Amino acid sequence: MRLELYEEKPEAAGAVLAQVFEAFSKETEESELQTVRYNLAEDADIFVHHPVVNQAMQKMEAALPLMLVDGEIMTIGAYPDMEDLTEITGLSFQDIRTRECQCGNCNCGKG
């Protein structure tokens, strides 16, 4: 499964969503879940040349943020929350800010 997040400003996503996308961004194509984030300021060409994203932006004034799952729009105009990500992916996500991490590699900054 591939999650693509198209956003105007990456800092608007919030820390938890940013951590989830960062943690899975290092996964390979064989991985169960891959994530990628694009922001309009740095990746404008990608927005213009992606037919689904371009069409959504032309039809809706506030289409961003927009999340595609395997090329199909799953959320538009708002960031997904942890419940949305769990429903979409079938994986259980939790707010890693609420626990002390001991793993050392989840990108939470606590390990």
N, C-alpha and C. Protein backbone atom coordinates (compact mmCIF):
# COMPACT_ATOMS: atom_id res chain seq x y z
N MET A 1 0.84 -1.17 0.00
CA MET A 1 0.00 0.00 0.00
C MET A 1 0.89 1.24 0.00
N ARG A 2 0.49 2.21 -0.80
CA ARG A 2 1.27 3.45 -0.90
C ARG A 2 0.38 4.64 -0.52
N LEU A 3 0.83 5.38 0.49
CA LEU A 3 0.15 6.61 0.92
C LEU A 3 0.94 7.79 0.40
N GLU A 4 0.27 8.69 -0.30
CA GLU A 4 0.90 9.91 -0.80
C GLU A 4 0.15 11.09 -0.21
N LEU A 5 0.87 11.97 0.45
CA LEU A 5 0.26 13.15 1.06
C LEU A 5 0.72 14.39 0.30
N TYR A 6 -0.24 15.12 -0.26
CA TYR A 6 0.02 16.35 -0.99
C TYR A 6 -0.47 17.50 -0.12
N GLU A 7 0.43 18.42 0.20
CA GLU A 7 0.06 19.49 1.12
C GLU A 7 0.68 20.81 0.71
N GLU A 8 0.05 21.87 1.17
CA GLU A 8 0.56 23.20 0.87
C GLU A 8 1.76 23.53 1.74
N LYS A 9 1.64 23.27 3.04
CA LYS A 9 2.71 23.55 3.99
C LYS A 9 2.90 22.33 4.88
N PRO A 10 4.06 21.69 4.83
CA PRO A 10 4.27 20.47 5.61
C PRO A 10 4.18 20.68 7.11
N GLU A 11 4.49 21.86 7.59
CA GLU A 11 4.45 22.09 9.04
C GLU A 11 3.03 22.09 9.58
N ALA A 12 2.03 22.16 8.74
CA ALA A 12 0.64 22.17 9.19
C ALA A 12 0.13 20.78 9.57
N ALA A 13 0.86 19.75 9.22
CA ALA A 13 0.40 18.37 9.42
C ALA A 13 0.33 17.97 10.87
N GLY A 14 1.14 18.53 11.71
CA GLY A 14 1.18 18.10 13.10
C GLY A 14 2.28 17.06 13.29
N ALA A 15 2.79 17.00 14.49
CA ALA A 15 3.95 16.16 14.79
C ALA A 15 3.68 14.67 14.63
N VAL A 16 2.53 14.21 15.07
CA VAL A 16 2.26 12.77 15.04
C VAL A 16 2.18 12.27 13.61
N LEU A 17 1.42 12.95 12.75
CA LEU A 17 1.31 12.54 11.36
C LEU A 17 2.67 12.61 10.68
N ALA A 18 3.43 13.63 10.95
CA ALA A 18 4.77 13.76 10.38
C ALA A 18 5.64 12.58 10.79
N GLN A 19 5.54 12.14 12.04
CA GLN A 19 6.33 11.01 12.53
C GLN A 19 5.92 9.71 11.84
N VAL A 20 4.63 9.52 11.64
CA VAL A 20 4.16 8.31 10.96
C VAL A 20 4.71 8.27 9.54
N PHE A 21 4.59 9.38 8.82
CA PHE A 21 5.08 9.40 7.44
C PHE A 21 6.60 9.27 7.39
N GLU A 22 7.31 9.87 8.31
CA GLU A 22 8.76 9.75 8.36
C GLU A 22 9.18 8.32 8.64
N ALA A 23 8.51 7.67 9.57
CA ALA A 23 8.87 6.30 9.94
C ALA A 23 8.72 5.35 8.76
N PHE A 24 7.66 5.52 7.96
CA PHE A 24 7.43 4.62 6.85
C PHE A 24 8.08 5.09 5.55
N SER A 25 8.61 6.29 5.49
CA SER A 25 9.21 6.80 4.26
C SER A 25 10.49 6.06 3.88
N LYS A 26 11.11 5.41 4.83
CA LYS A 26 12.35 4.69 4.56
C LYS A 26 12.11 3.25 4.11
N GLU A 27 10.84 2.85 4.02
CA GLU A 27 10.51 1.49 3.62
C GLU A 27 10.78 1.30 2.13
N THR A 28 11.00 0.06 1.75
CA THR A 28 11.29 -0.26 0.35
C THR A 28 9.99 -0.56 -0.40
N GLU A 29 10.10 -0.75 -1.69
CA GLU A 29 8.92 -1.04 -2.50
C GLU A 29 8.28 -2.36 -2.12
N GLU A 30 9.02 -3.26 -1.50
CA GLU A 30 8.47 -4.55 -1.08
C GLU A 30 7.75 -4.45 0.26
N SER A 31 7.85 -3.33 0.93
CA SER A 31 7.25 -3.16 2.25
C SER A 31 5.73 -3.11 2.16
N GLU A 32 5.10 -3.46 3.27
CA GLU A 32 3.64 -3.45 3.35
C GLU A 32 3.07 -2.05 3.19
N LEU A 33 3.78 -1.06 3.71
CA LEU A 33 3.29 0.32 3.66
C LEU A 33 4.43 1.25 3.26
N GLN A 34 4.17 2.06 2.25
CA GLN A 34 5.12 3.08 1.81
C GLN A 34 4.44 4.44 1.93
N THR A 35 5.19 5.45 2.32
CA THR A 35 4.62 6.79 2.41
C THR A 35 5.53 7.79 1.73
N VAL A 36 4.91 8.82 1.20
CA VAL A 36 5.67 9.92 0.61
C VAL A 36 4.85 11.19 0.80
N ARG A 37 5.55 12.28 1.06
CA ARG A 37 4.91 13.59 1.24
C ARG A 37 5.44 14.55 0.20
N TYR A 38 4.54 15.35 -0.35
CA TYR A 38 4.91 16.39 -1.29
C TYR A 38 4.33 17.70 -0.79
N ASN A 39 5.13 18.76 -0.88
CA ASN A 39 4.56 20.07 -0.54
C ASN A 39 4.64 20.97 -1.77
N LEU A 40 3.64 21.80 -1.88
CA LEU A 40 3.45 22.63 -3.07
C LEU A 40 4.63 23.54 -3.36
N ALA A 41 5.25 24.09 -2.34
CA ALA A 41 6.36 25.02 -2.54
C ALA A 41 7.58 24.35 -3.17
N GLU A 42 7.86 23.12 -2.75
CA GLU A 42 9.07 22.43 -3.24
C GLU A 42 8.81 21.48 -4.40
N ASP A 43 7.58 20.99 -4.53
CA ASP A 43 7.28 19.94 -5.50
C ASP A 43 6.16 20.34 -6.46
N ALA A 44 6.10 21.59 -6.87
CA ALA A 44 5.00 22.09 -7.69
C ALA A 44 4.81 21.27 -8.97
N ASP A 45 5.89 20.84 -9.60
CA ASP A 45 5.78 20.05 -10.83
C ASP A 45 5.03 18.75 -10.61
N ILE A 46 5.22 18.13 -9.46
CA ILE A 46 4.53 16.87 -9.16
C ILE A 46 3.03 17.12 -9.07
N PHE A 47 2.63 18.21 -8.44
CA PHE A 47 1.21 18.56 -8.32
C PHE A 47 0.60 18.78 -9.71
N VAL A 48 1.32 19.49 -10.56
CA VAL A 48 0.83 19.82 -11.89
C VAL A 48 0.71 18.58 -12.76
N HIS A 49 1.67 17.67 -12.67
CA HIS A 49 1.71 16.53 -13.57
C HIS A 49 0.98 15.29 -13.07
N HIS A 50 0.51 15.30 -11.84
CA HIS A 50 -0.26 14.16 -11.34
C HIS A 50 -1.73 14.42 -11.69
N PRO A 51 -2.32 13.61 -12.58
CA PRO A 51 -3.67 13.91 -13.06
C PRO A 51 -4.74 13.97 -11.96
N VAL A 52 -4.68 13.08 -10.98
CA VAL A 52 -5.68 13.06 -9.91
C VAL A 52 -5.56 14.30 -9.04
N VAL A 53 -4.33 14.63 -8.66
CA VAL A 53 -4.08 15.79 -7.80
C VAL A 53 -4.43 17.08 -8.54
N ASN A 54 -3.97 17.20 -9.76
CA ASN A 54 -4.24 18.39 -10.56
C ASN A 54 -5.74 18.61 -10.73
N GLN A 55 -6.47 17.55 -11.06
CA GLN A 55 -7.91 17.66 -11.25
C GLN A 55 -8.62 18.08 -9.96
N ALA A 56 -8.22 17.49 -8.84
CA ALA A 56 -8.83 17.85 -7.55
C ALA A 56 -8.59 19.32 -7.22
N MET A 57 -7.38 19.79 -7.48
CA MET A 57 -7.05 21.18 -7.18
C MET A 57 -7.81 22.15 -8.09
N GLN A 58 -8.08 21.73 -9.32
CA GLN A 58 -8.84 22.59 -10.22
C GLN A 58 -10.32 22.64 -9.84
N LYS A 59 -10.84 21.53 -9.31
CA LYS A 59 -12.26 21.46 -8.97
C LYS A 59 -12.58 22.08 -7.62
N MET A 60 -11.65 21.99 -6.67
CA MET A 60 -11.90 22.46 -5.32
C MET A 60 -10.92 23.56 -4.93
N GLU A 61 -11.42 24.60 -4.33
CA GLU A 61 -10.55 25.68 -3.89
C GLU A 61 -9.63 25.24 -2.76
N ALA A 62 -10.15 24.41 -1.85
CA ALA A 62 -9.38 23.95 -0.68
C ALA A 62 -9.15 22.45 -0.75
N ALA A 63 -8.54 21.97 -1.83
CA ALA A 63 -8.32 20.53 -2.00
C ALA A 63 -7.17 20.01 -1.14
N LEU A 64 -6.26 20.89 -0.74
CA LEU A 64 -5.11 20.47 0.04
C LEU A 64 -5.39 20.64 1.52
N PRO A 65 -4.91 19.76 2.33
CA PRO A 65 -4.12 18.58 2.02
C PRO A 65 -4.98 17.49 1.38
N LEU A 66 -4.33 16.67 0.60
CA LEU A 66 -4.99 15.60 -0.12
C LEU A 66 -4.16 14.34 0.07
N MET A 67 -4.81 13.23 0.40
CA MET A 67 -4.06 11.98 0.55
C MET A 67 -4.58 10.94 -0.43
N LEU A 68 -3.64 10.36 -1.17
CA LEU A 68 -3.95 9.27 -2.08
C LEU A 68 -3.51 7.97 -1.45
N VAL A 69 -4.32 6.94 -1.63
CA VAL A 69 -3.94 5.59 -1.23
C VAL A 69 -3.97 4.75 -2.49
N ASP A 70 -2.81 4.25 -2.87
CA ASP A 70 -2.67 3.49 -4.11
C ASP A 70 -3.29 4.23 -5.30
N GLY A 71 -3.07 5.54 -5.34
CA GLY A 71 -3.50 6.35 -6.47
C GLY A 71 -4.91 6.90 -6.40
N GLU A 72 -5.68 6.55 -5.37
CA GLU A 72 -7.06 7.02 -5.25
C GLU A 72 -7.19 7.97 -4.06
N ILE A 73 -8.02 9.00 -4.22
CA ILE A 73 -8.22 9.98 -3.16
C ILE A 73 -8.92 9.33 -1.97
N MET A 74 -8.31 9.48 -0.80
CA MET A 74 -8.92 8.98 0.43
C MET A 74 -9.33 10.12 1.36
N THR A 75 -8.55 11.17 1.43
CA THR A 75 -8.95 12.35 2.19
C THR A 75 -8.63 13.58 1.35
N ILE A 76 -9.46 14.59 1.50
CA ILE A 76 -9.26 15.81 0.73
C ILE A 76 -9.70 17.00 1.59
N GLY A 77 -8.86 18.01 1.65
CA GLY A 77 -9.18 19.21 2.39
C GLY A 77 -8.90 19.15 3.88
N ALA A 78 -8.41 18.01 4.37
CA ALA A 78 -8.10 17.87 5.79
C ALA A 78 -7.08 16.75 5.96
N TYR A 79 -6.27 16.86 6.99
CA TYR A 79 -5.30 15.81 7.27
C TYR A 79 -5.99 14.61 7.89
N PRO A 80 -5.52 13.41 7.56
CA PRO A 80 -6.07 12.23 8.24
C PRO A 80 -5.58 12.19 9.68
N ASP A 81 -6.39 11.63 10.57
CA ASP A 81 -5.93 11.45 11.95
C ASP A 81 -5.52 9.98 12.13
N MET A 82 -5.13 9.61 13.32
CA MET A 82 -4.66 8.25 13.57
C MET A 82 -5.76 7.22 13.28
N GLU A 83 -7.00 7.55 13.61
CA GLU A 83 -8.11 6.63 13.32
C GLU A 83 -8.29 6.44 11.82
N ASP A 84 -8.17 7.53 11.06
CA ASP A 84 -8.26 7.44 9.60
C ASP A 84 -7.17 6.53 9.06
N LEU A 85 -5.94 6.73 9.52
CA LEU A 85 -4.82 5.92 9.04
C LEU A 85 -5.02 4.45 9.39
N THR A 86 -5.54 4.18 10.58
CA THR A 86 -5.80 2.79 10.98
C THR A 86 -6.86 2.18 10.08
N GLU A 87 -7.93 2.91 9.82
CA GLU A 87 -9.00 2.41 8.97
C GLU A 87 -8.51 2.17 7.54
N ILE A 88 -7.75 3.09 7.02
CA ILE A 88 -7.27 3.01 5.64
C ILE A 88 -6.27 1.87 5.45
N THR A 89 -5.33 1.74 6.38
CA THR A 89 -4.23 0.78 6.21
C THR A 89 -4.47 -0.57 6.87
N GLY A 90 -5.35 -0.60 7.86
CA GLY A 90 -5.52 -1.84 8.63
C GLY A 90 -4.46 -2.02 9.69
N LEU A 91 -3.54 -1.06 9.80
CA LEU A 91 -2.50 -1.09 10.82
C LEU A 91 -2.95 -0.25 12.01
N SER A 92 -2.53 -0.63 13.19
CA SER A 92 -2.92 0.11 14.38
C SER A 92 -1.88 1.18 14.68
N PHE A 93 -2.31 2.43 14.68
CA PHE A 93 -1.42 3.55 15.00
C PHE A 93 -1.79 4.09 16.36
N GLN A 94 -0.81 4.56 17.07
CA GLN A 94 -1.07 5.22 18.34
C GLN A 94 -0.22 6.47 18.41
N ASP A 95 -0.63 7.40 19.22
CA ASP A 95 0.11 8.65 19.39
C ASP A 95 1.36 8.35 20.21
N ILE A 96 2.52 8.36 19.55
CA ILE A 96 3.74 7.96 20.24
C ILE A 96 4.19 9.00 21.25
N ARG A 97 3.54 10.16 21.26
CA ARG A 97 3.90 11.16 22.27
C ARG A 97 3.36 10.78 23.65
N THR A 98 2.46 9.80 23.72
CA THR A 98 1.83 9.47 24.99
C THR A 98 2.55 8.35 25.72
N ARG A 99 3.63 7.86 25.19
CA ARG A 99 4.36 6.78 25.87
C ARG A 99 5.85 7.03 25.74
N GLU A 100 6.59 6.40 26.58
CA GLU A 100 8.05 6.51 26.50
C GLU A 100 8.55 5.44 25.54
N CYS A 101 9.21 5.85 24.49
CA CYS A 101 9.71 4.91 23.50
C CYS A 101 11.04 4.33 23.96
N GLN A 102 11.18 3.04 23.77
CA GLN A 102 12.42 2.36 24.11
C GLN A 102 13.09 1.75 22.87
N CYS A 103 12.49 1.92 21.72
CA CYS A 103 12.98 1.20 20.54
C CYS A 103 14.21 1.84 19.91
N GLY A 104 14.32 3.14 19.97
CA GLY A 104 15.48 3.81 19.41
C GLY A 104 15.43 4.06 17.92
N ASN A 105 14.39 3.60 17.21
CA ASN A 105 14.38 3.90 15.78
C ASN A 105 12.99 4.21 15.21
N CYS A 106 12.08 4.66 16.03
CA CYS A 106 10.74 4.99 15.51
C CYS A 106 10.63 6.47 15.12
N ASN A 107 11.71 7.20 15.21
CA ASN A 107 11.75 8.62 14.86
C ASN A 107 10.94 9.51 15.80
N CYS A 108 10.64 9.01 16.99
CA CYS A 108 9.87 9.83 17.93
C CYS A 108 10.76 10.79 18.70
N GLY A 109 12.04 10.57 18.65
CA GLY A 109 12.96 11.45 19.34
C GLY A 109 13.17 11.11 20.80
N LYS A 110 12.51 10.05 21.28
CA LYS A 110 12.65 9.67 22.68
C LYS A 110 13.57 8.48 22.88
N GLY A 111 13.77 7.69 21.83
CA GLY A 111 14.53 6.45 21.97
C GLY A 111 16.00 6.64 21.81
